[in-house]
Amino acid sequence: MRNTARWAATLGLTAATICGPLTGATLAAPAAAPASLYAPSALVLTTGHGESAALTTPERAVTLSCAPTASGTHPAPAQACAELRLADGDFNALDVRDDVMCTKEYNPVVVTVDGVWRGQRVSYERTFANECVKTSFGVSVFAF
């Protein structure tokens, strides 16, 4: 009886060794490590004079990347990213500076934001009454 058990075990291991690759049960390579531990946050901000983005040609565009570090062509990427983090990526929740006094002149400026914030698609458009109002909204984010 002992020989039968040994033969059964040997035959089982041999069959698994030989037939395993045929069934697709091969040893898998370790999974590739993620490129980053941070969800992507990369934005393109544009500005131009006019009533809406559809009717306005962008006059200036900057890039802003906030993960893993602040970078891009934005003039103050670290400050802009810090403001966006405080607002949790909500552009309407950005602080308005109280120390700025703007004229009532109506010369509309359109700002658009497209990209990804913490892995979520973002598309934002806002028309400000003039350049001064735009610059006072979100201390650094729209100051470009």
C-alpha atoms as a PDB file:
ATOM      1  CA  MET A   1       0.000   0.000   0.000  1.00  0.00           C
ATOM      2  CA  ARG A   2       2.887   2.343   0.751  1.00  0.00           C
ATOM      3  CA  ASN A   3       4.209   2.029  -2.791  1.00  0.00           C
ATOM      4  CA  THR A   4       0.810   2.922  -4.203  1.00  0.00           C
ATOM      5  CA  ALA A   5       0.699   6.160  -2.219  1.00  0.00           C
ATOM      6  CA  ARG A   6       4.237   7.102  -3.297  1.00  0.00           C
ATOM      7  CA  TRP A   7       3.451   6.343  -6.928  1.00  0.00           C
ATOM      8  CA  ALA A   8       0.251   8.406  -6.730  1.00  0.00           C
ATOM      9  CA  ALA A   9       2.081  11.373  -5.216  1.00  0.00           C
ATOM     10  CA  THR A  10       4.917  11.138  -7.741  1.00  0.00           C
ATOM     11  CA  LEU A  11       2.504  10.810 -10.641  1.00  0.00           C
ATOM     12  CA  GLY A  12       0.471  13.798  -9.386  1.00  0.00           C
ATOM     13  CA  LEU A  13       3.530  16.039  -9.056  1.00  0.00           C
ATOM     14  CA  THR A  14       4.870  14.958 -12.440  1.00  0.00           C
ATOM     15  CA  ALA A  15       1.516  15.629 -14.094  1.00  0.00           C
ATOM     16  CA  ALA A  16       1.303  19.069 -12.490  1.00  0.00           C
ATOM     17  CA  THR A  17       4.837  19.914 -13.607  1.00  0.00           C
ATOM     18  CA  ILE A  18       4.296  18.783 -17.178  1.00  0.00           C
ATOM     19  CA  CYS A  19       0.677  19.857 -17.717  1.00  0.00           C
ATOM     20  CA  GLY A  20       0.749  23.072 -15.696  1.00  0.00           C
ATOM     21  CA  PRO A  21       2.190  25.204 -18.532  1.00  0.00           C
ATOM     22  CA  LEU A  22      -0.340  23.756 -20.953  1.00  0.00           C
ATOM     23  CA  THR A  23      -3.259  25.040 -18.867  1.00  0.00           C
ATOM     24  CA  GLY A  24      -1.877  28.561 -18.612  1.00  0.00           C
ATOM     25  CA  ALA A  25      -1.026  28.169 -14.927  1.00  0.00           C
ATOM     26  CA  THR A  26       2.473  29.546 -15.251  1.00  0.00           C
ATOM     27  CA  LEU A  27       4.335  31.551 -12.705  1.00  0.00           C
ATOM     28  CA  ALA A  28       3.471  35.170 -13.315  1.00  0.00           C
ATOM     29  CA  ALA A  29       6.070  37.903 -13.314  1.00  0.00           C
ATOM     30  CA  PRO A  30       5.664  40.378 -10.480  1.00  0.00           C
ATOM     31  CA  ALA A  31       3.195  43.144 -11.289  1.00  0.00           C
ATOM     32  CA  ALA A  32       4.768  46.345 -12.514  1.00  0.00           C
ATOM     33  CA  ALA A  33       4.959  49.036  -9.886  1.00  0.00           C
ATOM     34  CA  PRO A  34       2.709  52.048 -10.478  1.00  0.00           C
ATOM     35  CA  ALA A  35       4.404  55.008 -12.122  1.00  0.00           C
ATOM     36  CA  SER A  36       3.368  57.259  -9.239  1.00  0.00           C
ATOM     37  CA  LEU A  37       1.651  56.998  -5.897  1.00  0.00           C
ATOM     38  CA  TYR A  38      -0.229  60.213  -6.659  1.00  0.00           C
ATOM     39  CA  ALA A  39      -3.347  60.606  -8.763  1.00  0.00           C
ATOM     40  CA  PRO A  40      -2.518  62.837 -11.735  1.00  0.00           C
ATOM     41  CA  SER A  41      -3.188  66.552 -11.448  1.00  0.00           C
ATOM     42  CA  ALA A  42      -2.272  68.270 -14.697  1.00  0.00           C
ATOM     43  CA  LEU A  43      -4.157  71.297 -15.980  1.00  0.00           C
ATOM     44  CA  VAL A  44      -4.053  73.709 -18.912  1.00  0.00           C
ATOM     45  CA  LEU A  45      -5.307  77.191 -18.078  1.00  0.00           C
ATOM     46  CA  THR A  46      -6.111  79.741 -20.784  1.00  0.00           C
ATOM     47  CA  THR A  47      -7.256  83.343 -20.764  1.00  0.00           C
ATOM     48  CA  GLY A  48      -8.557  85.717 -23.405  1.00  0.00           C
ATOM     49  CA  HIS A  49     -10.754  88.788 -23.812  1.00  0.00           C
ATOM     50  CA  GLY A  50     -14.380  88.153 -24.695  1.00  0.00           C
ATOM     51  CA  GLU A  51     -17.775  86.992 -23.465  1.00  0.00           C
ATOM     52  CA  SER A  52     -17.221  83.210 -23.669  1.00  0.00           C
ATOM     53  CA  ALA A  53     -14.557  80.683 -24.579  1.00  0.00           C
ATOM     54  CA  ALA A  54     -16.464  79.708 -27.721  1.00  0.00           C
ATOM     55  CA  LEU A  55     -16.212  83.282 -29.029  1.00  0.00           C
ATOM     56  CA  THR A  56     -12.717  84.064 -27.725  1.00  0.00           C
ATOM     57  CA  THR A  57      -9.277  83.211 -29.016  1.00  0.00           C
ATOM     58  CA  PRO A  58      -6.977  82.349 -26.106  1.00  0.00           C
ATOM     59  CA  GLU A  59      -4.319  85.016 -25.623  1.00  0.00           C
ATOM     60  CA  ARG A  60      -2.284  83.144 -23.020  1.00  0.00           C
ATOM     61  CA  ALA A  61      -2.049  79.525 -21.910  1.00  0.00           C
ATOM     62  CA  VAL A  62      -0.099  77.945 -19.051  1.00  0.00           C
ATOM     63  CA  THR A  63       0.293  74.432 -17.713  1.00  0.00           C
ATOM     64  CA  LEU A  64       0.038  73.463 -14.061  1.00  0.00           C
ATOM     65  CA  SER A  65       0.960  70.079 -12.645  1.00  0.00           C
ATOM     66  CA  CYS A  66       0.457  69.523  -8.915  1.00  0.00           C
ATOM     67  CA  ALA A  67       1.442  65.888  -8.337  1.00  0.00           C
ATOM     68  CA  PRO A  68       3.885  64.790  -7.132  1.00  0.00           C
ATOM     69  CA  THR A  69       5.380  68.302  -7.058  1.00  0.00           C
ATOM     70  CA  ALA A  70       4.193  71.640  -8.356  1.00  0.00           C
ATOM     71  CA  SER A  71       5.525  72.424 -11.820  1.00  0.00           C
ATOM     72  CA  GLY A  72       4.542  73.775 -15.213  1.00  0.00           C
ATOM     73  CA  THR A  73       4.697  77.052 -17.092  1.00  0.00           C
ATOM     74  CA  HIS A  74       2.420  78.781 -14.566  1.00  0.00           C
ATOM     75  CA  PRO A  75       4.347  81.715 -13.014  1.00  0.00           C
ATOM     76  CA  ALA A  76       3.649  80.519  -9.431  1.00  0.00           C
ATOM     77  CA  PRO A  77       2.954  76.763  -9.578  1.00  0.00           C
ATOM     78  CA  ALA A  78       3.547  76.039  -5.868  1.00  0.00           C
ATOM     79  CA  GLN A  79       1.148  78.753  -4.686  1.00  0.00           C
ATOM     80  CA  ALA A  80      -1.482  77.851  -7.305  1.00  0.00           C
ATOM     81  CA  CYS A  81      -1.356  74.158  -6.347  1.00  0.00           C
ATOM     82  CA  ALA A  82      -1.614  75.033  -2.647  1.00  0.00           C
ATOM     83  CA  GLU A  83      -4.725  77.146  -3.330  1.00  0.00           C
ATOM     84  CA  LEU A  84      -6.306  74.375  -5.379  1.00  0.00           C
ATOM     85  CA  ARG A  85      -5.603  71.823  -2.645  1.00  0.00           C
ATOM     86  CA  LEU A  86      -7.281  74.084  -0.061  1.00  0.00           C
ATOM     87  CA  ALA A  87     -10.300  74.425  -2.361  1.00  0.00           C
ATOM     88  CA  ASP A  88     -10.222  70.665  -3.069  1.00  0.00           C
ATOM     89  CA  GLY A  89      -9.964  71.397  -6.789  1.00  0.00           C
ATOM     90  CA  ASP A  90     -13.191  73.468  -6.836  1.00  0.00           C
ATOM     91  CA  PHE A  91     -12.404  76.606  -8.833  1.00  0.00           C
ATOM     92  CA  ASN A  92     -15.592  78.311  -7.636  1.00  0.00           C
ATOM     93  CA  ALA A  93     -14.422  77.892  -4.016  1.00  0.00           C
ATOM     94  CA  LEU A  94     -11.171  79.810  -4.513  1.00  0.00           C
ATOM     95  CA  ASP A  95     -10.712  82.767  -2.168  1.00  0.00           C
ATOM     96  CA  VAL A  96     -11.195  86.313  -3.396  1.00  0.00           C
ATOM     97  CA  ARG A  97      -8.652  88.868  -2.257  1.00  0.00           C
ATOM     98  CA  ASP A  98     -10.157  91.614  -0.102  1.00  0.00           C
ATOM     99  CA  ASP A  99      -7.237  94.000  -0.481  1.00  0.00           C
ATOM    100  CA  VAL A 100      -7.785  94.609  -4.212  1.00  0.00           C
ATOM    101  CA  MET A 101      -9.980  97.435  -5.467  1.00  0.00           C
ATOM    102  CA  CYS A 102     -11.089  97.057  -9.074  1.00  0.00           C
ATOM    103  CA  THR A 103     -12.891  99.513 -11.318  1.00  0.00           C
ATOM    104  CA  LYS A 104     -16.377  98.805 -12.647  1.00  0.00           C
ATOM    105  CA  GLU A 105     -15.046  98.844 -16.210  1.00  0.00           C
ATOM    106  CA  TYR A 106     -16.562  96.047 -18.287  1.00  0.00           C
ATOM    107  CA  ASN A 107     -13.882  94.459 -20.452  1.00  0.00           C
ATOM    108  CA  PRO A 108     -14.692  90.723 -20.118  1.00  0.00           C
ATOM    109  CA  VAL A 109     -11.931  88.183 -19.614  1.00  0.00           C
ATOM    110  CA  VAL A 110     -12.576  84.468 -20.040  1.00  0.00           C
ATOM    111  CA  VAL A 111     -10.599  81.828 -18.168  1.00  0.00           C
ATOM    112  CA  THR A 112     -10.763  78.133 -19.036  1.00  0.00           C
ATOM    113  CA  VAL A 113      -9.269  75.159 -17.246  1.00  0.00           C
ATOM    114  CA  ASP A 114      -9.057  71.701 -18.802  1.00  0.00           C
ATOM    115  CA  GLY A 115      -7.251  68.624 -17.592  1.00  0.00           C
ATOM    116  CA  VAL A 116      -7.219  66.253 -14.657  1.00  0.00           C
ATOM    117  CA  TRP A 117      -7.378  67.039 -10.937  1.00  0.00           C
ATOM    118  CA  ARG A 118      -6.546  64.122  -8.618  1.00  0.00           C
ATOM    119  CA  GLY A 119      -7.482  61.630 -11.292  1.00  0.00           C
ATOM    120  CA  GLN A 120     -10.824  63.273 -12.200  1.00  0.00           C
ATOM    121  CA  ARG A 121     -11.508  65.072 -15.488  1.00  0.00           C
ATOM    122  CA  VAL A 122     -11.901  68.843 -15.062  1.00  0.00           C
ATOM    123  CA  SER A 123     -13.439  71.384 -17.419  1.00  0.00           C
ATOM    124  CA  TYR A 124     -14.084  74.905 -16.120  1.00  0.00           C
ATOM    125  CA  GLU A 125     -14.945  78.236 -17.718  1.00  0.00           C
ATOM    126  CA  ARG A 126     -15.579  81.590 -16.105  1.00  0.00           C
ATOM    127  CA  THR A 127     -15.997  85.118 -17.424  1.00  0.00           C
ATOM    128  CA  PHE A 128     -14.721  87.950 -15.242  1.00  0.00           C
ATOM    129  CA  ALA A 129     -15.750  91.591 -15.658  1.00  0.00           C
ATOM    130  CA  ASN A 130     -12.153  92.706 -16.262  1.00  0.00           C
ATOM    131  CA  GLU A 131      -8.514  91.701 -15.763  1.00  0.00           C
ATOM    132  CA  CYS A 132      -8.351  93.131 -12.244  1.00  0.00           C
ATOM    133  CA  VAL A 133     -11.305  91.029 -11.062  1.00  0.00           C
ATOM    134  CA  LYS A 134      -9.764  87.918 -12.647  1.00  0.00           C
ATOM    135  CA  THR A 135      -6.449  88.467 -10.886  1.00  0.00           C
ATOM    136  CA  SER A 136      -8.121  89.015  -7.493  1.00  0.00           C
ATOM    137  CA  PHE A 137     -10.037  85.737  -7.742  1.00  0.00           C
ATOM    138  CA  GLY A 138      -7.868  82.873  -6.542  1.00  0.00           C
ATOM    139  CA  VAL A 139      -4.790  84.781  -5.502  1.00  0.00           C
ATOM    140  CA  SER A 140      -2.327  82.776  -7.618  1.00  0.00           C
ATOM    141  CA  VAL A 141      -4.342  80.353  -9.718  1.00  0.00           C
ATOM    142  CA  PHE A 142      -5.582  82.851 -12.306  1.00  0.00           C
ATOM    143  CA  ALA A 143      -2.630  85.265 -12.008  1.00  0.00           C
ATOM    144  CA  PHE A 144      -0.888  84.487 -15.283  1.00  0.00           C
END
